[in-house]
PDB file of N, CA and C in Angstrom:
ATOM      1  N   UNK A   1       0.861  -1.198   0.047  1.00  0.00           N
ATOM      2  CA  UNK A   1       0.010  -0.122  -0.020  1.00  0.00           C
ATOM      3  C   UNK A   1       0.892   1.244  -0.029  1.00  0.00           C
ATOM      4  N   UNK A   2       1.888   1.250   0.827  1.00  0.00           N
ATOM      5  CA  UNK A   2       2.800   2.343   0.890  1.00  0.00           C
ATOM      6  C   UNK A   2       3.552   2.621  -0.558  1.00  0.00           C
ATOM      7  N   UNK A   3       3.871   1.557  -1.147  1.00  0.00           N
ATOM      8  CA  UNK A   3       4.451   1.705  -2.474  1.00  0.00           C
ATOM      9  C   UNK A   3       3.644   2.292  -3.464  1.00  0.00           C
ATOM     10  N   UNK A   4       2.241   1.953  -3.326  1.00  0.00           N
ATOM     11  CA  UNK A   4       1.325   2.530  -4.360  1.00  0.00           C
ATOM     12  C   UNK A   4       1.042   4.011  -3.960  1.00  0.00           C
ATOM     13  N   UNK A   5       1.095   4.464  -2.804  1.00  0.00           N
ATOM     14  CA  UNK A   5       0.980   5.814  -2.544  1.00  0.00           C
ATOM     15  C   UNK A   5       2.172   6.686  -3.052  1.00  0.00           C
ATOM     16  N   UNK A   6       3.483   5.952  -2.860  1.00  0.00           N
ATOM     17  CA  UNK A   6       4.613   6.638  -3.369  1.00  0.00           C
ATOM     18  C   UNK A   6       4.558   6.812  -4.821  1.00  0.00           C
ATOM     19  N   UNK A   7       4.053   5.735  -5.556  1.00  0.00           N
ATOM     20  CA  UNK A   7       3.877   5.846  -6.986  1.00  0.00           C
ATOM     21  C   UNK A   7       3.013   6.952  -7.487  1.00  0.00           C
ATOM     22  N   UNK A   8       1.800   7.116  -6.725  1.00  0.00           N
ATOM     23  CA  UNK A   8       0.841   8.130  -7.161  1.00  0.00           C
ATOM     24  C   UNK A   8       1.512   9.511  -6.842  1.00  0.00           C
ATOM     25  N   UNK A   9       2.277   9.673  -5.816  1.00  0.00           N
ATOM     26  CA  UNK A   9       2.933  10.888  -5.423  1.00  0.00           C
ATOM     27  C   UNK A   9       4.027  11.223  -6.402  1.00  0.00           C
ATOM     28  N   UNK A  10       4.787  10.297  -6.834  1.00  0.00           N
ATOM     29  CA  UNK A  10       5.656  10.502  -7.977  1.00  0.00           C
ATOM     30  C   UNK A  10       4.993  10.886  -9.259  1.00  0.00           C
ATOM     31  N   UNK A  11       4.046  10.172  -9.707  1.00  0.00           N
ATOM     32  CA  UNK A  11       3.219  10.587 -10.869  1.00  0.00           C
ATOM     33  C   UNK A  11       2.562  12.011 -10.793  1.00  0.00           C
ATOM     34  N   UNK A  12       2.074  12.334  -9.714  1.00  0.00           N
ATOM     35  CA  UNK A  12       1.514  13.603  -9.449  1.00  0.00           C
ATOM     36  C   UNK A  12       2.514  14.853  -9.656  1.00  0.00           C
ATOM     37  N   UNK A  13       3.569  14.609  -8.992  1.00  0.00           N
ATOM     38  CA  UNK A  13       4.682  15.569  -9.019  1.00  0.00           C
ATOM     39  C   UNK A  13       5.183  15.749 -10.473  1.00  0.00           C
ATOM     40  N   UNK A  14       5.443  14.577 -11.134  1.00  0.00           N
ATOM     41  CA  UNK A  14       5.863  14.677 -12.532  1.00  0.00           C
ATOM     42  C   UNK A  14       4.946  15.275 -13.514  1.00  0.00           C
ATOM     43  N   UNK A  15       3.533  15.085 -13.341  1.00  0.00           N
ATOM     44  CA  UNK A  15       2.563  15.795 -14.078  1.00  0.00           C
ATOM     45  C   UNK A  15       2.629  17.348 -13.834  1.00  0.00           C
ATOM     46  N   UNK A  16       2.709  17.712 -12.695  1.00  0.00           N
ATOM     47  CA  UNK A  16       2.757  19.129 -12.207  1.00  0.00           C
ATOM     48  C   UNK A  16       3.895  19.764 -12.878  1.00  0.00           C
ATOM     49  N   UNK A  17       5.130  19.164 -12.868  1.00  0.00           N
ATOM     50  CA  UNK A  17       6.355  19.702 -13.389  1.00  0.00           C
ATOM     51  C   UNK A  17       6.182  19.780 -14.812  1.00  0.00           C
ATOM     52  N   UNK A  18       5.641  18.907 -15.592  1.00  0.00           N
ATOM     53  CA  UNK A  18       5.346  18.992 -17.066  1.00  0.00           C
ATOM     54  C   UNK A  18       4.452  20.147 -17.283  1.00  0.00           C
ATOM     55  N   UNK A  19       3.423  20.497 -16.576  1.00  0.00           N
ATOM     56  CA  UNK A  19       2.652  21.560 -16.927  1.00  0.00           C
ATOM     57  C   UNK A  19       3.323  22.838 -16.639  1.00  0.00           C
ATOM     58  N   UNK A  20       4.139  22.887 -15.500  1.00  0.00           N
ATOM     59  CA  UNK A  20       4.868  24.128 -15.149  1.00  0.00           C
ATOM     60  C   UNK A  20       5.893  24.516 -16.280  1.00  0.00           C
ATOM     61  N   UNK A  21       6.615  23.402 -16.775  1.00  0.00           N
ATOM     62  CA  UNK A  21       7.598  23.788 -17.807  1.00  0.00           C
ATOM     63  C   UNK A  21       6.987  24.139 -19.096  1.00  0.00           C
ATOM     64  N   UNK A  22       5.795  23.546 -19.408  1.00  0.00           N
ATOM     65  CA  UNK A  22       4.951  23.921 -20.605  1.00  0.00           C
ATOM     66  C   UNK A  22       4.635  25.404 -20.571  1.00  0.00           C
ATOM     67  N   UNK A  23       4.071  25.811 -19.476  1.00  0.00           N
ATOM     68  CA  UNK A  23       3.594  27.078 -19.345  1.00  0.00           C
ATOM     69  C   UNK A  23       4.813  28.106 -19.427  1.00  0.00           C
ATOM     70  N   UNK A  24       5.931  27.828 -18.960  1.00  0.00           N
ATOM     71  CA  UNK A  24       6.960  28.744 -19.071  1.00  0.00           C
ATOM     72  C   UNK A  24       7.438  28.909 -20.536  1.00  0.00           C
ATOM     73  N   UNK A  25       7.463  27.835 -21.272  1.00  0.00           N
ATOM     74  CA  UNK A  25       7.992  27.855 -22.660  1.00  0.00           C
ATOM     75  C   UNK A  25       7.036  28.694 -23.503  1.00  0.00           C
ATOM     76  N   UNK A  26       5.819  28.566 -23.189  1.00  0.00           N
ATOM     77  CA  UNK A  26       4.820  29.348 -23.976  1.00  0.00           C
ATOM     78  C   UNK A  26       4.994  30.920 -23.828  1.00  0.00           C
ATOM     79  N   UNK A  27       5.340  31.304 -22.664  1.00  0.00           N
ATOM     80  CA  UNK A  27       5.547  32.770 -22.504  1.00  0.00           C
ATOM     81  C   UNK A  27       6.773  33.240 -23.147  1.00  0.00           C
ATOM     82  N   UNK A  28       7.723  32.354 -23.346  1.00  0.00           N
ATOM     83  CA  UNK A  28       8.968  32.688 -23.997  1.00  0.00           C
ATOM     84  C   UNK A  28       8.944  32.699 -25.454  1.00  0.00           C
ATOM     85  N   UNK A  29       7.899  32.379 -26.041  1.00  0.00           N
ATOM     86  CA  UNK A  29       7.716  32.325 -27.508  1.00  0.00           C
ATOM     87  C   UNK A  29       7.829  33.746 -28.056  1.00  0.00           C
ATOM     88  N   UNK A  30       8.484  33.706 -29.096  1.00  0.00           N
ATOM     89  CA  UNK A  30       8.718  35.107 -29.777  1.00  0.00           C
ATOM     90  C   UNK A  30       7.474  35.454 -30.669  1.00  0.00           C
ATOM     91  N   UNK A  31       7.143  36.734 -30.655  1.00  0.00           N
ATOM     92  CA  UNK A  31       6.182  37.162 -31.536  1.00  0.00           C
ATOM     93  C   UNK A  31       6.647  38.251 -32.490  1.00  0.00           C
ATOM     94  N   UNK A  32       6.179  38.460 -33.609  1.00  0.00           N
ATOM     95  CA  UNK A  32       6.503  39.390 -34.625  1.00  0.00           C
ATOM     96  C   UNK A  32       5.261  40.268 -34.858  1.00  0.00           C
ATOM     97  N   UNK A  33       5.298  41.516 -34.579  1.00  0.00           N
ATOM     98  CA  UNK A  33       4.250  42.366 -34.692  1.00  0.00           C
ATOM     99  C   UNK A  33       4.702  43.651 -35.805  1.00  0.00           C
ATOM    100  N   UNK A  34       3.814  43.782 -36.717  1.00  0.00           N
ATOM    101  CA  UNK A  34       4.094  44.961 -37.616  1.00  0.00           C
ATOM    102  C   UNK A  34       3.094  46.120 -37.292  1.00  0.00           C
ATOM    103  N   UNK A  35       3.771  47.288 -37.082  1.00  0.00           N
ATOM    104  CA  UNK A  35       3.190  48.547 -36.613  1.00  0.00           C
ATOM    105  C   UNK A  35       2.997  49.435 -37.867  1.00  0.00           C
ATOM    106  N   UNK A  36       1.879  50.088 -37.998  1.00  0.00           N
ATOM    107  CA  UNK A  36       1.872  51.246 -38.912  1.00  0.00           C
ATOM    108  C   UNK A  36       2.449  52.569 -38.172  1.00  0.00           C
ATOM    109  N   UNK A  37       3.424  53.116 -38.709  1.00  0.00           N
ATOM    110  CA  UNK A  37       4.131  54.275 -38.173  1.00  0.00           C
ATOM    111  C   UNK A  37       4.250  55.204 -39.158  1.00  0.00           C
ATOM    112  N   UNK A  38       3.958  56.629 -38.978  1.00  0.00           N
ATOM    113  CA  UNK A  38       4.223  57.559 -39.915  1.00  0.00           C
ATOM    114  C   UNK A  38       5.632  57.878 -39.917  1.00  0.00           C
ATOM    115  N   UNK A  39       6.417  57.565 -41.122  1.00  0.00           N
ATOM    116  CA  UNK A  39       7.732  57.788 -41.178  1.00  0.00           C
ATOM    117  C   UNK A  39       8.009  58.857 -42.352  1.00  0.00           C
ATOM    118  N   UNK A  40       8.552  59.961 -41.970  1.00  0.00           N
ATOM    119  CA  UNK A  40       8.662  61.091 -42.902  1.00  0.00           C
ATOM    120  C   UNK A  40      10.050  61.002 -43.677  1.00  0.00           C
ATOM    121  N   UNK A  41      11.102  60.581 -42.970  1.00  0.00           N
ATOM    122  CA  UNK A  41      12.440  60.559 -43.589  1.00  0.00           C
ATOM    123  C   UNK A  41      13.244  59.511 -42.896  1.00  0.00           C
ATOM    124  N   UNK A  42      14.544  59.410 -43.351  1.00  0.00           N
ATOM    125  CA  UNK A  42      15.529  58.413 -42.836  1.00  0.00           C
ATOM    126  C   UNK A  42      15.908  58.804 -41.350  1.00  0.00           C
ATOM    127  N   UNK A  43      15.733  59.988 -41.000  1.00  0.00           N
ATOM    128  CA  UNK A  43      15.828  60.514 -39.599  1.00  0.00           C
ATOM    129  C   UNK A  43      14.912  59.723 -38.703  1.00  0.00           C
ATOM    130  N   UNK A  44      13.654  59.623 -39.124  1.00  0.00           N
ATOM    131  CA  UNK A  44      12.615  58.976 -38.388  1.00  0.00           C
ATOM    132  C   UNK A  44      13.129  57.525 -38.062  1.00  0.00           C
ATOM    133  N   UNK A  45      13.538  56.904 -39.156  1.00  0.00           N
ATOM    134  CA  UNK A  45      14.014  55.409 -39.146  1.00  0.00           C
ATOM    135  C   UNK A  45      15.172  55.406 -38.146  1.00  0.00           C
ATOM    136  N   UNK A  46      16.069  56.317 -38.160  1.00  0.00           N
ATOM    137  CA  UNK A  46      17.358  56.230 -37.466  1.00  0.00           C
ATOM    138  C   UNK A  46      16.842  56.372 -35.854  1.00  0.00           C
ATOM    139  N   UNK A  47      15.834  57.332 -35.614  1.00  0.00           N
ATOM    140  CA  UNK A  47      15.396  57.348 -34.236  1.00  0.00           C
ATOM    141  C   UNK A  47      14.865  56.169 -33.650  1.00  0.00           C
ATOM    142  N   UNK A  48      14.057  55.361 -34.598  1.00  0.00           N
ATOM    143  CA  UNK A  48      13.515  54.186 -34.232  1.00  0.00           C
ATOM    144  C   UNK A  48      14.581  53.101 -33.978  1.00  0.00           C
ATOM    145  N   UNK A  49      15.526  53.059 -34.869  1.00  0.00           N
ATOM    146  CA  UNK A  49      16.662  52.056 -34.760  1.00  0.00           C
ATOM    147  C   UNK A  49      17.481  52.328 -33.617  1.00  0.00           C
ATOM    148  N   UNK A  50      17.512  53.587 -33.051  1.00  0.00           N
ATOM    149  CA  UNK A  50      18.407  53.875 -31.918  1.00  0.00           C
ATOM    150  C   UNK A  50      17.697  53.634 -30.595  1.00  0.00           C
ATOM    151  N   UNK A  51      16.404  53.450 -30.634  1.00  0.00           N
ATOM    152  CA  UNK A  51      15.628  53.248 -29.380  1.00  0.00           C
ATOM    153  C   UNK A  51      14.914  52.026 -29.183  1.00  0.00           C
ATOM    154  N   UNK A  52      14.017  51.646 -30.136  1.00  0.00           N
ATOM    155  CA  UNK A  52      13.172  50.463 -29.976  1.00  0.00           C
ATOM    156  C   UNK A  52      14.015  49.181 -29.761  1.00  0.00           C
ATOM    157  N   UNK A  53      15.034  48.968 -30.425  1.00  0.00           N
ATOM    158  CA  UNK A  53      15.744  47.695 -30.176  1.00  0.00           C
ATOM    159  C   UNK A  53      16.285  47.491 -28.749  1.00  0.00           C
ATOM    160  N   UNK A  54      16.348  48.628 -27.964  1.00  0.00           N
ATOM    161  CA  UNK A  54      16.795  48.579 -26.483  1.00  0.00           C
ATOM    162  C   UNK A  54      15.638  48.418 -25.634  1.00  0.00           C
ATOM    163  N   UNK A  55      14.376  48.312 -26.013  1.00  0.00           N
ATOM    164  CA  UNK A  55      13.354  48.001 -25.189  1.00  0.00           C
ATOM    165  C   UNK A  55      13.549  46.526 -24.738  1.00  0.00           C
ATOM    166  N   UNK A  56      13.152  46.282 -23.514  1.00  0.00           N
ATOM    167  CA  UNK A  56      13.231  45.033 -22.954  1.00  0.00           C
ATOM    168  C   UNK A  56      12.547  43.955 -23.750  1.00  0.00           C
ATOM    169  N   UNK A  57      13.210  42.775 -24.054  1.00  0.00           N
ATOM    170  CA  UNK A  57      12.555  41.672 -24.770  1.00  0.00           C
ATOM    171  C   UNK A  57      12.524  41.769 -26.352  1.00  0.00           C
ATOM    172  N   UNK A  58      13.014  42.938 -26.953  1.00  0.00           N
ATOM    173  CA  UNK A  58      13.021  43.138 -28.372  1.00  0.00           C
ATOM    174  C   UNK A  58      14.314  42.316 -28.968  1.00  0.00           C
ATOM    175  N   UNK A  59      14.096  41.488 -30.005  1.00  0.00           N
ATOM    176  CA  UNK A  59      15.119  40.673 -30.448  1.00  0.00           C
ATOM    177  C   UNK A  59      15.455  41.043 -31.891  1.00  0.00           C
ATOM    178  N   UNK A  60      14.509  41.735 -32.590  1.00  0.00           N
ATOM    179  CA  UNK A  60      14.805  42.114 -34.025  1.00  0.00           C
ATOM    180  C   UNK A  60      13.946  43.123 -34.345  1.00  0.00           C
ATOM    181  N   UNK A  61      14.270  43.987 -35.439  1.00  0.00           N
ATOM    182  CA  UNK A  61      13.602  45.050 -35.859  1.00  0.00           C
ATOM    183  C   UNK A  61      13.817  45.299 -37.384  1.00  0.00           C
ATOM    184  N   UNK A  62      12.703  45.596 -38.018  1.00  0.00           N
ATOM    185  CA  UNK A  62      12.857  45.909 -39.454  1.00  0.00           C
ATOM    186  C   UNK A  62      11.861  46.994 -39.834  1.00  0.00           C
ATOM    187  N   UNK A  63      12.097  47.906 -40.771  1.00  0.00           N
ATOM    188  CA  UNK A  63      11.280  49.029 -41.101  1.00  0.00           C
ATOM    189  C   UNK A  63      11.287  49.335 -42.525  1.00  0.00           C
ATOM    190  N   UNK A  64      10.235  49.976 -42.887  1.00  0.00           N
ATOM    191  CA  UNK A  64      10.161  50.396 -44.408  1.00  0.00           C
ATOM    192  C   UNK A  64       9.539  51.807 -44.385  1.00  0.00           C
ATOM    193  N   UNK A  65      10.435  52.680 -44.936  1.00  0.00           N
ATOM    194  CA  UNK A  65      10.031  54.145 -45.189  1.00  0.00           C
ATOM    195  C   UNK A  65       8.976  54.249 -46.276  1.00  0.00           C
ATOM    196  N   UNK A  66       9.068  53.376 -47.325  1.00  0.00           N
ATOM    197  CA  UNK A  66       8.058  53.399 -48.391  1.00  0.00           C
ATOM    198  C   UNK A  66       6.651  52.837 -47.887  1.00  0.00           C
ATOM    199  N   UNK A  67       6.867  51.682 -47.101  1.00  0.00           N
ATOM    200  CA  UNK A  67       5.575  50.992 -46.604  1.00  0.00           C
ATOM    201  C   UNK A  67       5.028  51.655 -45.450  1.00  0.00           C
ATOM    202  N   UNK A  68       5.735  52.566 -44.752  1.00  0.00           N
ATOM    203  CA  UNK A  68       5.265  53.245 -43.601  1.00  0.00           C
ATOM    204  C   UNK A  68       5.076  52.253 -42.387  1.00  0.00           C
ATOM    205  N   UNK A  69       5.780  51.271 -42.271  1.00  0.00           N
ATOM    206  CA  UNK A  69       5.776  50.378 -41.134  1.00  0.00           C
ATOM    207  C   UNK A  69       6.932  49.965 -40.447  1.00  0.00           C
ATOM    208  N   UNK A  70       6.929  49.405 -39.208  1.00  0.00           N
ATOM    209  CA  UNK A  70       8.004  48.961 -38.412  1.00  0.00           C
ATOM    210  C   UNK A  70       7.559  47.587 -37.862  1.00  0.00           C
ATOM    211  N   UNK A  71       8.507  46.632 -38.096  1.00  0.00           N
ATOM    212  CA  UNK A  71       8.094  45.383 -37.710  1.00  0.00           C
ATOM    213  C   UNK A  71       9.179  44.990 -36.430  1.00  0.00           C
ATOM    214  N   UNK A  72       8.600  44.558 -35.386  1.00  0.00           N
ATOM    215  CA  UNK A  72       9.316  44.320 -34.099  1.00  0.00           C
ATOM    216  C   UNK A  72       9.119  42.762 -33.710  1.00  0.00           C
ATOM    217  N   UNK A  73      10.236  42.081 -33.562  1.00  0.00           N
ATOM    218  CA  UNK A  73      10.188  40.723 -33.043  1.00  0.00           C
ATOM    219  C   UNK A  73      10.605  40.800 -31.468  1.00  0.00           C
ATOM    220  N   UNK A  74       9.729  40.198 -30.607  1.00  0.00           N
ATOM    221  CA  UNK A  74      10.122  40.229 -29.165  1.00  0.00           C
ATOM    222  C   UNK A  74       9.618  39.071 -28.412  1.00  0.00           C
ATOM    223  N   UNK A  75      10.267  38.833 -27.332  1.00  0.00           N
ATOM    224  CA  UNK A  75       9.726  37.811 -26.389  1.00  0.00           C
ATOM    225  C   UNK A  75       8.643  38.130 -25.602  1.00  0.00           C
ATOM    226  N   UNK A  76       7.625  37.261 -25.581  1.00  0.00           N
ATOM    227  CA  UNK A  76       6.299  37.574 -25.005  1.00  0.00           C
ATOM    228  C   UNK A  76       6.358  37.629 -23.411  1.00  0.00           C
ATOM    229  N   UNK A  77       7.389  37.112 -22.878  1.00  0.00           N
ATOM    230  CA  UNK A  77       7.493  37.063 -21.447  1.00  0.00           C
ATOM    231  C   UNK A  77       8.211  38.339 -20.921  1.00  0.00           C
ATOM    232  N   UNK A  78       8.761  39.169 -21.881  1.00  0.00           N
ATOM    233  CA  UNK A  78       9.432  40.292 -21.488  1.00  0.00           C
ATOM    234  C   UNK A  78       8.685  41.666 -21.759  1.00  0.00           C
ATOM    235  N   UNK A  79       7.945  41.537 -22.823  1.00  0.00           N
ATOM    236  CA  UNK A  79       7.202  42.841 -23.235  1.00  0.00           C
ATOM    237  C   UNK A  79       5.964  42.425 -24.028  1.00  0.00           C
ATOM    238  N   UNK A  80       5.107  43.446 -24.357  1.00  0.00           N
ATOM    239  CA  UNK A  80       3.974  43.168 -25.180  1.00  0.00           C
ATOM    240  C   UNK A  80       3.620  44.283 -26.053  1.00  0.00           C
ATOM    241  N   UNK A  81       2.686  44.331 -26.928  1.00  0.00           N
ATOM    242  CA  UNK A  81       2.391  45.416 -27.993  1.00  0.00           C
ATOM    243  C   UNK A  81       2.035  46.799 -27.181  1.00  0.00           C
ATOM    244  N   UNK A  82       1.362  46.605 -26.033  1.00  0.00           N
ATOM    245  CA  UNK A  82       0.965  47.820 -25.248  1.00  0.00           C
ATOM    246  C   UNK A  82       2.334  48.628 -24.862  1.00  0.00           C
ATOM    247  N   UNK A  83       3.268  47.891 -24.384  1.00  0.00           N
ATOM    248  CA  UNK A  83       4.523  48.477 -23.935  1.00  0.00           C
ATOM    249  C   UNK A  83       5.286  48.973 -25.273  1.00  0.00           C
ATOM    250  N   UNK A  84       5.259  48.262 -26.192  1.00  0.00           N
ATOM    251  CA  UNK A  84       6.057  48.800 -27.443  1.00  0.00           C
ATOM    252  C   UNK A  84       5.278  50.078 -27.940  1.00  0.00           C
ATOM    253  N   UNK A  85       3.937  50.066 -28.052  1.00  0.00           N
ATOM    254  CA  UNK A  85       3.292  51.354 -28.458  1.00  0.00           C
ATOM    255  C   UNK A  85       3.695  52.452 -27.684  1.00  0.00           C
ATOM    256  N   UNK A  86       3.762  52.305 -26.349  1.00  0.00           N
ATOM    257  CA  UNK A  86       4.318  53.262 -25.365  1.00  0.00           C
ATOM    258  C   UNK A  86       5.700  53.752 -25.702  1.00  0.00           C
ATOM    259  N   UNK A  87       6.530  52.807 -26.124  1.00  0.00           N
ATOM    260  CA  UNK A  87       7.954  53.283 -26.411  1.00  0.00           C
ATOM    261  C   UNK A  87       7.897  53.929 -27.747  1.00  0.00           C
ATOM    262  N   UNK A  88       7.238  53.692 -28.649  1.00  0.00           N
ATOM    263  CA  UNK A  88       7.042  54.646 -29.859  1.00  0.00           C
ATOM    264  C   UNK A  88       6.571  55.972 -29.422  1.00  0.00           C
ATOM    265  N   UNK A  89       5.592  56.170 -28.546  1.00  0.00           N
ATOM    266  CA  UNK A  89       5.094  57.413 -28.225  1.00  0.00           C
ATOM    267  C   UNK A  89       6.165  58.200 -27.438  1.00  0.00           C
ATOM    268  N   UNK A  90       6.973  57.598 -26.785  1.00  0.00           N
ATOM    269  CA  UNK A  90       8.166  58.241 -26.011  1.00  0.00           C
ATOM    270  C   UNK A  90       9.190  58.996 -27.042  1.00  0.00           C
ATOM    271  N   UNK A  91       9.183  58.350 -28.310  1.00  0.00           N
ATOM    272  CA  UNK A  91      10.093  58.978 -29.243  1.00  0.00           C
ATOM    273  C   UNK A  91       9.305  59.935 -30.285  1.00  0.00           C
ATOM    274  N   UNK A  92       7.994  60.100 -29.901  1.00  0.00           N
ATOM    275  CA  UNK A  92       7.223  61.014 -30.709  1.00  0.00           C
ATOM    276  C   UNK A  92       6.615  60.414 -31.882  1.00  0.00           C
ATOM    277  N   UNK A  93       6.337  59.036 -31.924  1.00  0.00           N
ATOM    278  CA  UNK A  93       5.714  58.254 -33.031  1.00  0.00           C
ATOM    279  C   UNK A  93       4.507  57.587 -32.579  1.00  0.00           C
ATOM    280  N   UNK A  94       3.433  57.800 -33.356  1.00  0.00           N
ATOM    281  CA  UNK A  94       2.160  56.994 -32.987  1.00  0.00           C
ATOM    282  C   UNK A  94       2.338  55.659 -33.804  1.00  0.00           C
ATOM    283  N   UNK A  95       2.067  54.612 -33.137  1.00  0.00           N
ATOM    284  CA  UNK A  95       2.080  53.225 -33.652  1.00  0.00           C
ATOM    285  C   UNK A  95       0.760  52.492 -33.419  1.00  0.00           C
ATOM    286  N   UNK A  96       0.276  51.808 -34.560  1.00  0.00           N
ATOM    287  CA  UNK A  96      -0.939  51.052 -34.398  1.00  0.00           C
ATOM    288  C   UNK A  96      -0.499  49.595 -34.973  1.00  0.00           C
ATOM    289  N   UNK A  97      -1.034  48.545 -34.302  1.00  0.00           N
ATOM    290  CA  UNK A  97      -0.731  47.207 -34.720  1.00  0.00           C
ATOM    291  C   UNK A  97      -1.496  46.901 -35.998  1.00  0.00           C
ATOM    292  N   UNK A  98      -0.770  46.435 -37.051  1.00  0.00           N
ATOM    293  CA  UNK A  98      -1.656  45.983 -38.353  1.00  0.00           C
ATOM    294  C   UNK A  98      -1.413  44.523 -38.631  1.00  0.00           C
ATOM    295  N   UNK A  99      -0.394  43.894 -38.009  1.00  0.00           N
ATOM    296  CA  UNK A  99      -0.267  42.378 -38.224  1.00  0.00           C
ATOM    297  C   UNK A  99       0.532  41.803 -37.006  1.00  0.00           C
ATOM    298  N   UNK A 100       0.179  40.606 -36.557  1.00  0.00           N
ATOM    299  CA  UNK A 100       0.798  39.910 -35.444  1.00  0.00           C
ATOM    300  C   UNK A 100       0.992  38.446 -35.964  1.00  0.00           C
ATOM    301  N   UNK A 101       2.220  38.023 -35.697  1.00  0.00           N
ATOM    302  CA  UNK A 101       2.568  36.614 -36.126  1.00  0.00           C
ATOM    303  C   UNK A 101       3.349  35.972 -34.999  1.00  0.00           C
ATOM    304  N   UNK A 102       2.933  34.960 -34.408  1.00  0.00           N
ATOM    305  CA  UNK A 102       3.666  34.272 -33.316  1.00  0.00           C
ATOM    306  C   UNK A 102       4.766  33.428 -34.087  1.00  0.00           C
ATOM    307  N   UNK A 103       5.984  33.490 -33.493  1.00  0.00           N
ATOM    308  CA  UNK A 103       7.216  32.760 -34.059  1.00  0.00           C
ATOM    309  C   UNK A 103       7.253  31.481 -33.327  1.00  0.00           C
ATOM    310  N   UNK A 104       7.356  30.455 -33.981  1.00  0.00           N
ATOM    311  CA  UNK A 104       7.581  29.102 -33.299  1.00  0.00           C
ATOM    312  C   UNK A 104       8.905  28.658 -33.794  1.00  0.00           C
ATOM    313  N   UNK A 105       9.538  28.082 -32.836  1.00  0.00           N
ATOM    314  CA  UNK A 105      10.965  27.423 -33.126  1.00  0.00           C
ATOM    315  C   UNK A 105      10.871  25.966 -32.902  1.00  0.00           C
ATOM    316  N   UNK A 106      11.347  25.288 -33.924  1.00  0.00           N
ATOM    317  CA  UNK A 106      11.307  23.704 -33.831  1.00  0.00           C
ATOM    318  C   UNK A 106      12.060  23.330 -32.477  1.00  0.00           C
ATOM    319  N   UNK A 107      11.577  22.118 -31.892  1.00  0.00           N
ATOM    320  CA  UNK A 107      12.239  21.706 -30.840  1.00  0.00           C
ATOM    321  C   UNK A 107      13.649  20.976 -31.130  1.00  0.00           C
ATOM    322  N   UNK A 108      13.703  20.564 -32.400  1.00  0.00           N
ATOM    323  CA  UNK A 108      15.062  19.997 -32.928  1.00  0.00           C
ATOM    324  C   UNK A 108      15.313  20.557 -34.167  1.00  0.00           C
ATOM    325  N   UNK A 109      16.535  20.845 -34.497  1.00  0.00           N
ATOM    326  CA  UNK A 109      16.942  21.278 -35.848  1.00  0.00           C
ATOM    327  C   UNK A 109      17.260  20.059 -36.772  1.00  0.00           C
ATOM    328  N   UNK A 110      16.456  20.128 -37.908  1.00  0.00           N
ATOM    329  CA  UNK A 110      16.762  18.843 -38.805  1.00  0.00           C
ATOM    330  C   UNK A 110      18.254  18.830 -39.311  1.00  0.00           C
ATOM    331  N   UNK A 111      18.756  17.644 -39.489  1.00  0.00           N
ATOM    332  CA  UNK A 111      20.149  17.516 -39.878  1.00  0.00           C
ATOM    333  C   UNK A 111      20.248  17.747 -41.337  1.00  0.00           C
ATOM    334  N   UNK A 112      21.438  18.399 -41.646  1.00  0.00           N
ATOM    335  CA  UNK A 112      21.625  18.723 -43.139  1.00  0.00           C
ATOM    336  C   UNK A 112      21.902  17.384 -43.913  1.00  0.00           C
ATOM    337  N   UNK A 113      21.458  17.302 -45.095  1.00  0.00           N
ATOM    338  CA  UNK A 113      21.704  16.129 -45.867  1.00  0.00           C
ATOM    339  C   UNK A 113      22.891  16.370 -46.963  1.00  0.00           C
ATOM    340  N   UNK A 114      23.590  15.414 -47.237  1.00  0.00           N
ATOM    341  CA  UNK A 114      24.747  15.610 -48.082  1.00  0.00           C
ATOM    342  C   UNK A 114      24.281  15.336 -49.589  1.00  0.00           C
TER     343      UNK A 114
END
């Protein structure tokens, strides 16, 4: 009877651990968001390039003067779109979300074939 109780206790702890690890990896998932931003010149892009990448959680940045957008990749556990919109406001730019794409990374990298 005691060994059965121990078995159930071990199974219960392992299930809880699995769920806890799963929840943590979901938050660390990267997201890519495209913002509509009024960009008048290269000076505007330089201002964005000098400030937004240093926001907590930002991992990549792309922009288009012609398309009037800025695309930001960030970790979901570090920041969110509301905080990024606030960061754009701090440098004098209004930003609106126009597209959101979650970035998934494969658990294993496929081996190269010869």
